[in-house]
Amino acid sequence: MPEGIIDMQDMDQIFSVTDPLGIHRESVRVDLSKEDPGSIGRTDGGIIEITVPETGAIEEFIQRLQGELEGMGYVAQELDDAAEEEN
């Protein structure tokens, strides 16, 4: 796959942050192309917009994503037994 395009591994890492924060996947918009320095924002409608950086390790960006989302007020959600059984 070309370097400047995100792949499923990138998406899995993003969801590994957004899912535990209770952010519904339909509320996350990720640009298909990578672009430096990467960006994380929230629209007035509550959509999280993410651009993965083209350079640097995805793990570093994921740490940044976690911190910025927490800075926006998102906190880890505990799943109840019924929700865990659905997953």
PDB file of N, CA and C in Angstrom:
ATOM      1  N   MET A   1       0.851  -1.179   0.000  1.00  0.00           N
ATOM      2  CA  MET A   1       0.000   0.000   0.000  1.00  0.00           C
ATOM      3  C   MET A   1       0.895   1.240   0.000  1.00  0.00           C
ATOM      4  N   PRO A   2       0.544   2.288  -0.754  1.00  0.00           N
ATOM      5  CA  PRO A   2       1.374   3.494  -0.791  1.00  0.00           C
ATOM      6  C   PRO A   2       1.557   4.077   0.607  1.00  0.00           C
ATOM      7  N   GLU A   3       2.699   4.708   0.823  1.00  0.00           N
ATOM      8  CA  GLU A   3       3.044   5.237   2.137  1.00  0.00           C
ATOM      9  C   GLU A   3       2.047   6.255   2.663  1.00  0.00           C
ATOM     10  N   GLY A   4       1.530   7.132   1.820  1.00  0.00           N
ATOM     11  CA  GLY A   4       0.718   8.233   2.285  1.00  0.00           C
ATOM     12  C   GLY A   4      -0.741   7.907   2.519  1.00  0.00           C
ATOM     13  N   ILE A   5      -1.107   6.633   2.561  1.00  0.00           N
ATOM     14  CA  ILE A   5      -2.498   6.213   2.739  1.00  0.00           C
ATOM     15  C   ILE A   5      -2.608   5.402   4.039  1.00  0.00           C
ATOM     16  N   ILE A   6      -3.649   5.671   4.827  1.00  0.00           N
ATOM     17  CA  ILE A   6      -3.832   4.891   6.048  1.00  0.00           C
ATOM     18  C   ILE A   6      -4.262   3.470   5.701  1.00  0.00           C
ATOM     19  N   ASP A   7      -4.023   2.558   6.621  1.00  0.00           N
ATOM     20  CA  ASP A   7      -4.437   1.172   6.411  1.00  0.00           C
ATOM     21  C   ASP A   7      -5.244   0.697   7.619  1.00  0.00           C
ATOM     22  N   MET A   8      -5.679  -0.521   7.585  1.00  0.00           N
ATOM     23  CA  MET A   8      -6.516  -1.056   8.665  1.00  0.00           C
ATOM     24  C   MET A   8      -5.770  -1.104  10.006  1.00  0.00           C
ATOM     25  N   GLN A   9      -4.466  -1.304   9.966  1.00  0.00           N
ATOM     26  CA  GLN A   9      -3.699  -1.293  11.215  1.00  0.00           C
ATOM     27  C   GLN A   9      -3.757   0.090  11.861  1.00  0.00           C
ATOM     28  N   ASP A  10      -3.666   1.146  11.033  1.00  0.00           N
ATOM     29  CA  ASP A  10      -3.797   2.507  11.557  1.00  0.00           C
ATOM     30  C   ASP A  10      -5.177   2.688  12.190  1.00  0.00           C
ATOM     31  N   MET A  11      -6.216   2.249  11.490  1.00  0.00           N
ATOM     32  CA  MET A  11      -7.580   2.392  12.008  1.00  0.00           C
ATOM     33  C   MET A  11      -7.765   1.601  13.302  1.00  0.00           C
ATOM     34  N   ASP A  12      -7.214   0.394  13.353  1.00  0.00           N
ATOM     35  CA  ASP A  12      -7.314  -0.408  14.575  1.00  0.00           C
ATOM     36  C   ASP A  12      -6.681   0.322  15.754  1.00  0.00           C
ATOM     37  N   GLN A  13      -5.551   0.964  15.520  1.00  0.00           N
ATOM     38  CA  GLN A  13      -4.886   1.699  16.604  1.00  0.00           C
ATOM     39  C   GLN A  13      -5.714   2.904  17.029  1.00  0.00           C
ATOM     40  N   ILE A  14      -6.304   3.606  16.075  1.00  0.00           N
ATOM     41  CA  ILE A  14      -7.164   4.745  16.404  1.00  0.00           C
ATOM     42  C   ILE A  14      -8.355   4.271  17.228  1.00  0.00           C
ATOM     43  N   PHE A  15      -9.010   3.195  16.776  1.00  0.00           N
ATOM     44  CA  PHE A  15     -10.168   2.676  17.509  1.00  0.00           C
ATOM     45  C   PHE A  15      -9.778   2.138  18.886  1.00  0.00           C
ATOM     46  N   SER A  16      -8.523   1.709  19.047  1.00  0.00           N
ATOM     47  CA  SER A  16      -8.091   1.236  20.365  1.00  0.00           C
ATOM     48  C   SER A  16      -8.072   2.373  21.380  1.00  0.00           C
ATOM     49  N   VAL A  17      -8.070   3.607  20.895  1.00  0.00           N
ATOM     50  CA  VAL A  17      -8.157   4.783  21.768  1.00  0.00           C
ATOM     51  C   VAL A  17      -9.603   5.271  21.869  1.00  0.00           C
ATOM     52  N   THR A  18     -10.277   5.414  20.733  1.00  0.00           N
ATOM     53  CA  THR A  18     -11.611   6.029  20.746  1.00  0.00           C
ATOM     54  C   THR A  18     -12.673   5.121  21.360  1.00  0.00           C
ATOM     55  N   ASP A  19     -12.608   3.822  21.112  1.00  0.00           N
ATOM     56  CA  ASP A  19     -13.620   2.907  21.657  1.00  0.00           C
ATOM     57  C   ASP A  19     -13.687   2.963  23.189  1.00  0.00           C
ATOM     58  N   PRO A  20     -12.565   2.822  23.898  1.00  0.00           N
ATOM     59  CA  PRO A  20     -12.638   2.863  25.368  1.00  0.00           C
ATOM     60  C   PRO A  20     -13.091   4.216  25.919  1.00  0.00           C
ATOM     61  N   LEU A  21     -12.953   5.275  25.113  1.00  0.00           N
ATOM     62  CA  LEU A  21     -13.392   6.595  25.546  1.00  0.00           C
ATOM     63  C   LEU A  21     -14.882   6.807  25.281  1.00  0.00           C
ATOM     64  N   GLY A  22     -15.542   5.786  24.744  1.00  0.00           N
ATOM     65  CA  GLY A  22     -16.972   5.871  24.498  1.00  0.00           C
ATOM     66  C   GLY A  22     -17.340   6.689  23.276  1.00  0.00           C
ATOM     67  N   ILE A  23     -16.389   6.884  22.375  1.00  0.00           N
ATOM     68  CA  ILE A  23     -16.645   7.653  21.158  1.00  0.00           C
ATOM     69  C   ILE A  23     -17.137   6.682  20.091  1.00  0.00           C
ATOM     70  N   HIS A  24     -18.372   6.866  19.652  1.00  0.00           N
ATOM     71  CA  HIS A  24     -18.969   5.975  18.653  1.00  0.00           C
ATOM     72  C   HIS A  24     -18.185   6.080  17.345  1.00  0.00           C
ATOM     73  N   ARG A  25     -17.943   4.960  16.699  1.00  0.00           N
ATOM     74  CA  ARG A  25     -17.147   4.942  15.470  1.00  0.00           C
ATOM     75  C   ARG A  25     -17.733   5.813  14.360  1.00  0.00           C
ATOM     76  N   GLU A  26     -19.043   5.992  14.356  1.00  0.00           N
ATOM     77  CA  GLU A  26     -19.652   6.858  13.348  1.00  0.00           C
ATOM     78  C   GLU A  26     -19.393   8.329  13.647  1.00  0.00           C
ATOM     79  N   SER A  27     -18.856   8.614  14.813  1.00  0.00           N
ATOM     80  CA  SER A  27     -18.517   9.988  15.186  1.00  0.00           C
ATOM     81  C   SER A  27     -17.035  10.280  14.975  1.00  0.00           C
ATOM     82  N   VAL A  28     -16.339   9.377  14.307  1.00  0.00           N
ATOM     83  CA  VAL A  28     -14.908   9.539  14.041  1.00  0.00           C
ATOM     84  C   VAL A  28     -14.704   9.583  12.529  1.00  0.00           C
ATOM     85  N   ARG A  29     -14.086  10.665  12.074  1.00  0.00           N
ATOM     86  CA  ARG A  29     -13.777  10.818  10.647  1.00  0.00           C
ATOM     87  C   ARG A  29     -12.258  10.870  10.508  1.00  0.00           C
ATOM     88  N   VAL A  30     -11.701   9.927   9.746  1.00  0.00           N
ATOM     89  CA  VAL A  30     -10.255   9.849   9.558  1.00  0.00           C
ATOM     90  C   VAL A  30      -9.953  10.040   8.078  1.00  0.00           C
ATOM     91  N   ASP A  31      -9.105  11.042   7.775  1.00  0.00           N
ATOM     92  CA  ASP A  31      -8.695  11.256   6.389  1.00  0.00           C
ATOM     93  C   ASP A  31      -7.967  10.020   5.885  1.00  0.00           C
ATOM     94  N   LEU A  32      -8.227   9.660   4.644  1.00  0.00           N
ATOM     95  CA  LEU A  32      -7.567   8.488   4.064  1.00  0.00           C
ATOM     96  C   LEU A  32      -6.096   8.736   3.775  1.00  0.00           C
ATOM     97  N   SER A  33      -5.743   9.984   3.500  1.00  0.00           N
ATOM     98  CA  SER A  33      -4.339  10.289   3.216  1.00  0.00           C
ATOM     99  C   SER A  33      -3.662  10.827   4.467  1.00  0.00           C
ATOM    100  N   LYS A  34      -2.413  10.455   4.635  1.00  0.00           N
ATOM    101  CA  LYS A  34      -1.615  10.926   5.759  1.00  0.00           C
ATOM    102  C   LYS A  34      -1.019  12.277   5.398  1.00  0.00           C
ATOM    103  N   GLU A  35      -0.911  13.142   6.382  1.00  0.00           N
ATOM    104  CA  GLU A  35      -0.361  14.478   6.134  1.00  0.00           C
ATOM    105  C   GLU A  35       0.284  15.001   7.411  1.00  0.00           C
ATOM    106  N   ASP A  36       1.518  15.467   7.286  1.00  0.00           N
ATOM    107  CA  ASP A  36       2.229  16.016   8.446  1.00  0.00           C
ATOM    108  C   ASP A  36       1.698  17.405   8.768  1.00  0.00           C
ATOM    109  N   PRO A  37       1.629  17.748  10.023  1.00  0.00           N
ATOM    110  CA  PRO A  37       2.091  17.030  11.208  1.00  0.00           C
ATOM    111  C   PRO A  37       1.022  16.118  11.815  1.00  0.00           C
ATOM    112  N   GLY A  38      -0.088  15.907  11.103  1.00  0.00           N
ATOM    113  CA  GLY A  38      -1.212  15.167  11.667  1.00  0.00           C
ATOM    114  C   GLY A  38      -2.080  16.146  12.436  1.00  0.00           C
ATOM    115  N   SER A  39      -3.346  15.815  12.596  1.00  0.00           N
ATOM    116  CA  SER A  39      -4.230  16.717  13.341  1.00  0.00           C
ATOM    117  C   SER A  39      -5.357  15.948  14.011  1.00  0.00           C
ATOM    118  N   ILE A  40      -5.879  16.560  15.062  1.00  0.00           N
ATOM    119  CA  ILE A  40      -6.985  15.998  15.839  1.00  0.00           C
ATOM    120  C   ILE A  40      -7.888  17.162  16.193  1.00  0.00           C
ATOM    121  N   GLY A  41      -9.146  17.063  15.843  1.00  0.00           N
ATOM    122  CA  GLY A  41     -10.059  18.147  16.163  1.00  0.00           C
ATOM    123  C   GLY A  41     -11.475  17.636  16.331  1.00  0.00           C
ATOM    124  N   ARG A  42     -12.350  18.542  16.740  1.00  0.00           N
ATOM    125  CA  ARG A  42     -13.757  18.196  16.906  1.00  0.00           C
ATOM    126  C   ARG A  42     -14.591  19.292  16.255  1.00  0.00           C
ATOM    127  N   THR A  43     -15.539  18.897  15.421  1.00  0.00           N
ATOM    128  CA  THR A  43     -16.420  19.857  14.766  1.00  0.00           C
ATOM    129  C   THR A  43     -17.475  20.345  15.744  1.00  0.00           C
ATOM    130  N   ASP A  44     -18.184  21.386  15.358  1.00  0.00           N
ATOM    131  CA  ASP A  44     -19.287  21.888  16.181  1.00  0.00           C
ATOM    132  C   ASP A  44     -20.354  20.817  16.376  1.00  0.00           C
ATOM    133  N   GLY A  45     -20.465  19.888  15.417  1.00  0.00           N
ATOM    134  CA  GLY A  45     -21.435  18.801  15.510  1.00  0.00           C
ATOM    135  C   GLY A  45     -20.961  17.617  16.327  1.00  0.00           C
ATOM    136  N   GLY A  46     -19.743  17.700  16.891  1.00  0.00           N
ATOM    137  CA  GLY A  46     -19.231  16.641  17.753  1.00  0.00           C
ATOM    138  C   GLY A  46     -18.470  15.539  17.034  1.00  0.00           C
ATOM    139  N   ILE A  47     -18.223  15.699  15.722  1.00  0.00           N
ATOM    140  CA  ILE A  47     -17.452  14.702  14.967  1.00  0.00           C
ATOM    141  C   ILE A  47     -15.966  14.908  15.265  1.00  0.00           C
ATOM    142  N   ILE A  48     -15.282  13.821  15.603  1.00  0.00           N
ATOM    143  CA  ILE A  48     -13.832  13.859  15.807  1.00  0.00           C
ATOM    144  C   ILE A  48     -13.178  13.687  14.439  1.00  0.00           C
ATOM    145  N   GLU A  49     -12.357  14.650  14.051  1.00  0.00           N
ATOM    146  CA  GLU A  49     -11.654  14.598  12.764  1.00  0.00           C
ATOM    147  C   GLU A  49     -10.172  14.349  13.022  1.00  0.00           C
ATOM    148  N   ILE A  50      -9.655  13.324  12.363  1.00  0.00           N
ATOM    149  CA  ILE A  50      -8.275  12.893  12.591  1.00  0.00           C
ATOM    150  C   ILE A  50      -7.543  12.805  11.258  1.00  0.00           C
ATOM    151  N   THR A  51      -6.339  13.357  11.230  1.00  0.00           N
ATOM    152  CA  THR A  51      -5.418  13.155  10.115  1.00  0.00           C
ATOM    153  C   THR A  51      -4.148  12.547  10.692  1.00  0.00           C
ATOM    154  N   VAL A  52      -3.805  11.363  10.229  1.00  0.00           N
ATOM    155  CA  VAL A  52      -2.608  10.656  10.693  1.00  0.00           C
ATOM    156  C   VAL A  52      -1.390  11.277  10.013  1.00  0.00           C
ATOM    157  N   PRO A  53      -0.311  11.542  10.762  1.00  0.00           N
ATOM    158  CA  PRO A  53       0.885  12.110  10.138  1.00  0.00           C
ATOM    159  C   PRO A  53       1.561  11.100   9.205  1.00  0.00           C
ATOM    160  N   GLU A  54       2.195  11.639   8.173  1.00  0.00           N
ATOM    161  CA  GLU A  54       2.866  10.775   7.203  1.00  0.00           C
ATOM    162  C   GLU A  54       4.197  10.255   7.742  1.00  0.00           C
ATOM    163  N   THR A  55       4.862  11.071   8.541  1.00  0.00           N
ATOM    164  CA  THR A  55       6.150  10.655   9.096  1.00  0.00           C
ATOM    165  C   THR A  55       6.003  10.437  10.600  1.00  0.00           C
ATOM    166  N   GLY A  56       6.922   9.686  11.157  1.00  0.00           N
ATOM    167  CA  GLY A  56       6.867   9.391  12.589  1.00  0.00           C
ATOM    168  C   GLY A  56       6.105   8.101  12.834  1.00  0.00           C
ATOM    169  N   ALA A  57       6.290   7.581  14.013  1.00  0.00           N
ATOM    170  CA  ALA A  57       5.670   6.309  14.375  1.00  0.00           C
ATOM    171  C   ALA A  57       4.202   6.518  14.739  1.00  0.00           C
ATOM    172  N   ILE A  58       3.350   5.619  14.288  1.00  0.00           N
ATOM    173  CA  ILE A  58       1.921   5.695  14.602  1.00  0.00           C
ATOM    174  C   ILE A  58       1.711   5.615  16.111  1.00  0.00           C
ATOM    175  N   GLU A  59       2.563   4.877  16.806  1.00  0.00           N
ATOM    176  CA  GLU A  59       2.430   4.741  18.264  1.00  0.00           C
ATOM    177  C   GLU A  59       2.557   6.102  18.955  1.00  0.00           C
ATOM    178  N   GLU A  60       3.455   6.946  18.457  1.00  0.00           N
ATOM    179  CA  GLU A  60       3.606   8.291  19.033  1.00  0.00           C
ATOM    180  C   GLU A  60       2.347   9.113  18.787  1.00  0.00           C
ATOM    181  N   PHE A  61       1.783   9.004  17.597  1.00  0.00           N
ATOM    182  CA  PHE A  61       0.567   9.745  17.282  1.00  0.00           C
ATOM    183  C   PHE A  61      -0.598   9.245  18.132  1.00  0.00           C
ATOM    184  N   ILE A  62      -0.661   7.943  18.366  1.00  0.00           N
ATOM    185  CA  ILE A  62      -1.739   7.372  19.169  1.00  0.00           C
ATOM    186  C   ILE A  62      -1.676   7.911  20.605  1.00  0.00           C
ATOM    187  N   GLN A  63      -0.479   8.073  21.146  1.00  0.00           N
ATOM    188  CA  GLN A  63      -0.334   8.671  22.480  1.00  0.00           C
ATOM    189  C   GLN A  63      -0.835  10.116  22.461  1.00  0.00           C
ATOM    190  N   ARG A  64      -0.495  10.837  21.407  1.00  0.00           N
ATOM    191  CA  ARG A  64      -0.979  12.215  21.250  1.00  0.00           C
ATOM    192  C   ARG A  64      -2.498  12.237  21.143  1.00  0.00           C
ATOM    193  N   LEU A  65      -3.068  11.318  20.363  1.00  0.00           N
ATOM    194  CA  LEU A  65      -4.518  11.222  20.203  1.00  0.00           C
ATOM    195  C   LEU A  65      -5.191  11.012  21.555  1.00  0.00           C
ATOM    196  N   GLN A  66      -4.673  10.077  22.337  1.00  0.00           N
ATOM    197  CA  GLN A  66      -5.226   9.793  23.665  1.00  0.00           C
ATOM    198  C   GLN A  66      -5.235  11.059  24.508  1.00  0.00           C
ATOM    199  N   GLY A  67      -4.109  11.750  24.557  1.00  0.00           N
ATOM    200  CA  GLY A  67      -3.993  12.950  25.369  1.00  0.00           C
ATOM    201  C   GLY A  67      -4.913  14.070  24.925  1.00  0.00           C
ATOM    202  N   GLU A  68      -5.019  14.281  23.622  1.00  0.00           N
ATOM    203  CA  GLU A  68      -5.858  15.364  23.115  1.00  0.00           C
ATOM    204  C   GLU A  68      -7.342  15.069  23.320  1.00  0.00           C
ATOM    205  N   LEU A  69      -7.734  13.816  23.137  1.00  0.00           N
ATOM    206  CA  LEU A  69      -9.136  13.469  23.368  1.00  0.00           C
ATOM    207  C   LEU A  69      -9.494  13.610  24.845  1.00  0.00           C
ATOM    208  N   GLU A  70      -8.600  13.197  25.717  1.00  0.00           N
ATOM    209  CA  GLU A  70      -8.833  13.380  27.149  1.00  0.00           C
ATOM    210  C   GLU A  70      -8.901  14.863  27.487  1.00  0.00           C
ATOM    211  N   GLY A  71      -8.084  15.676  26.804  1.00  0.00           N
ATOM    212  CA  GLY A  71      -8.118  17.118  26.994  1.00  0.00           C
ATOM    213  C   GLY A  71      -9.433  17.738  26.535  1.00  0.00           C
ATOM    214  N   MET A  72     -10.122  17.075  25.613  1.00  0.00           N
ATOM    215  CA  MET A  72     -11.436  17.531  25.152  1.00  0.00           C
ATOM    216  C   MET A  72     -12.545  17.091  26.103  1.00  0.00           C
ATOM    217  N   GLY A  73     -12.163  16.321  27.128  1.00  0.00           N
ATOM    218  CA  GLY A  73     -13.142  15.911  28.131  1.00  0.00           C
ATOM    219  C   GLY A  73     -13.610  14.473  28.040  1.00  0.00           C
ATOM    220  N   TYR A  74     -13.072  13.701  27.096  1.00  0.00           N
ATOM    221  CA  TYR A  74     -13.448  12.293  27.003  1.00  0.00           C
ATOM    222  C   TYR A  74     -12.732  11.505  28.090  1.00  0.00           C
ATOM    223  N   VAL A  75     -13.453  10.587  28.711  1.00  0.00           N
ATOM    224  CA  VAL A  75     -12.876   9.739  29.756  1.00  0.00           C
ATOM    225  C   VAL A  75     -13.225   8.282  29.457  1.00  0.00           C
ATOM    226  N   ALA A  76     -12.378   7.396  29.944  1.00  0.00           N
ATOM    227  CA  ALA A  76     -12.598   5.961  29.716  1.00  0.00           C
ATOM    228  C   ALA A  76     -13.952   5.547  30.273  1.00  0.00           C
ATOM    229  N   GLN A  77     -14.661   4.728  29.514  1.00  0.00           N
ATOM    230  CA  GLN A  77     -15.978   4.231  29.891  1.00  0.00           C
ATOM    231  C   GLN A  77     -15.845   2.790  30.356  1.00  0.00           C
ATOM    232  N   GLU A  78     -16.577   2.454  31.392  1.00  0.00           N
ATOM    233  CA  GLU A  78     -16.624   1.059  31.816  1.00  0.00           C
ATOM    234  C   GLU A  78     -17.815   0.407  31.151  1.00  0.00           C
ATOM    235  N   LEU A  79     -17.574  -0.737  30.545  1.00  0.00           N
ATOM    236  CA  LEU A  79     -18.661  -1.474  29.916  1.00  0.00           C
ATOM    237  C   LEU A  79     -19.387  -2.295  30.958  1.00  0.00           C
ATOM    238  N   ASP A  80     -20.715  -2.302  30.894  1.00  0.00           N
ATOM    239  CA  ASP A  80     -21.447  -3.186  31.790  1.00  0.00           C
ATOM    240  C   ASP A  80     -21.477  -4.579  31.176  1.00  0.00           C
ATOM    241  N   ASP A  81     -21.939  -5.548  31.906  1.00  0.00           N
ATOM    242  CA  ASP A  81     -21.941  -6.941  31.439  1.00  0.00           C
ATOM    243  C   ASP A  81     -22.711  -7.111  30.138  1.00  0.00           C
ATOM    244  N   ALA A  82     -23.840  -6.440  29.972  1.00  0.00           N
ATOM    245  CA  ALA A  82     -24.647  -6.569  28.757  1.00  0.00           C
ATOM    246  C   ALA A  82     -23.896  -6.031  27.548  1.00  0.00           C
ATOM    247  N   ALA A  83     -23.212  -4.914  27.707  1.00  0.00           N
ATOM    248  CA  ALA A  83     -22.453  -4.328  26.597  1.00  0.00           C
ATOM    249  C   ALA A  83     -21.279  -5.221  26.220  1.00  0.00           C
ATOM    250  N   GLU A  84     -20.626  -5.815  27.219  1.00  0.00           N
ATOM    251  CA  GLU A  84     -19.513  -6.705  26.930  1.00  0.00           C
ATOM    252  C   GLU A  84     -19.973  -7.939  26.174  1.00  0.00           C
ATOM    253  N   GLU A  85     -21.153  -8.454  26.493  1.00  0.00           N
ATOM    254  CA  GLU A  85     -21.655  -9.630  25.801  1.00  0.00           C
ATOM    255  C   GLU A  85     -21.990  -9.335  24.345  1.00  0.00           C
ATOM    256  N   GLU A  86     -22.376  -8.083  24.018  1.00  0.00           N
ATOM    257  CA  GLU A  86     -22.674  -7.705  22.642  1.00  0.00           C
ATOM    258  C   GLU A  86     -21.421  -7.681  21.802  1.00  0.00           C
ATOM    259  N   ASN A  87     -20.254  -7.354  22.406  1.00  0.00           N
ATOM    260  CA  ASN A  87     -18.998  -7.248  21.672  1.00  0.00           C
ATOM    261  C   ASN A  87     -18.434  -8.588  21.525  1.00  0.00           C
TER     262      ASN A  87
END
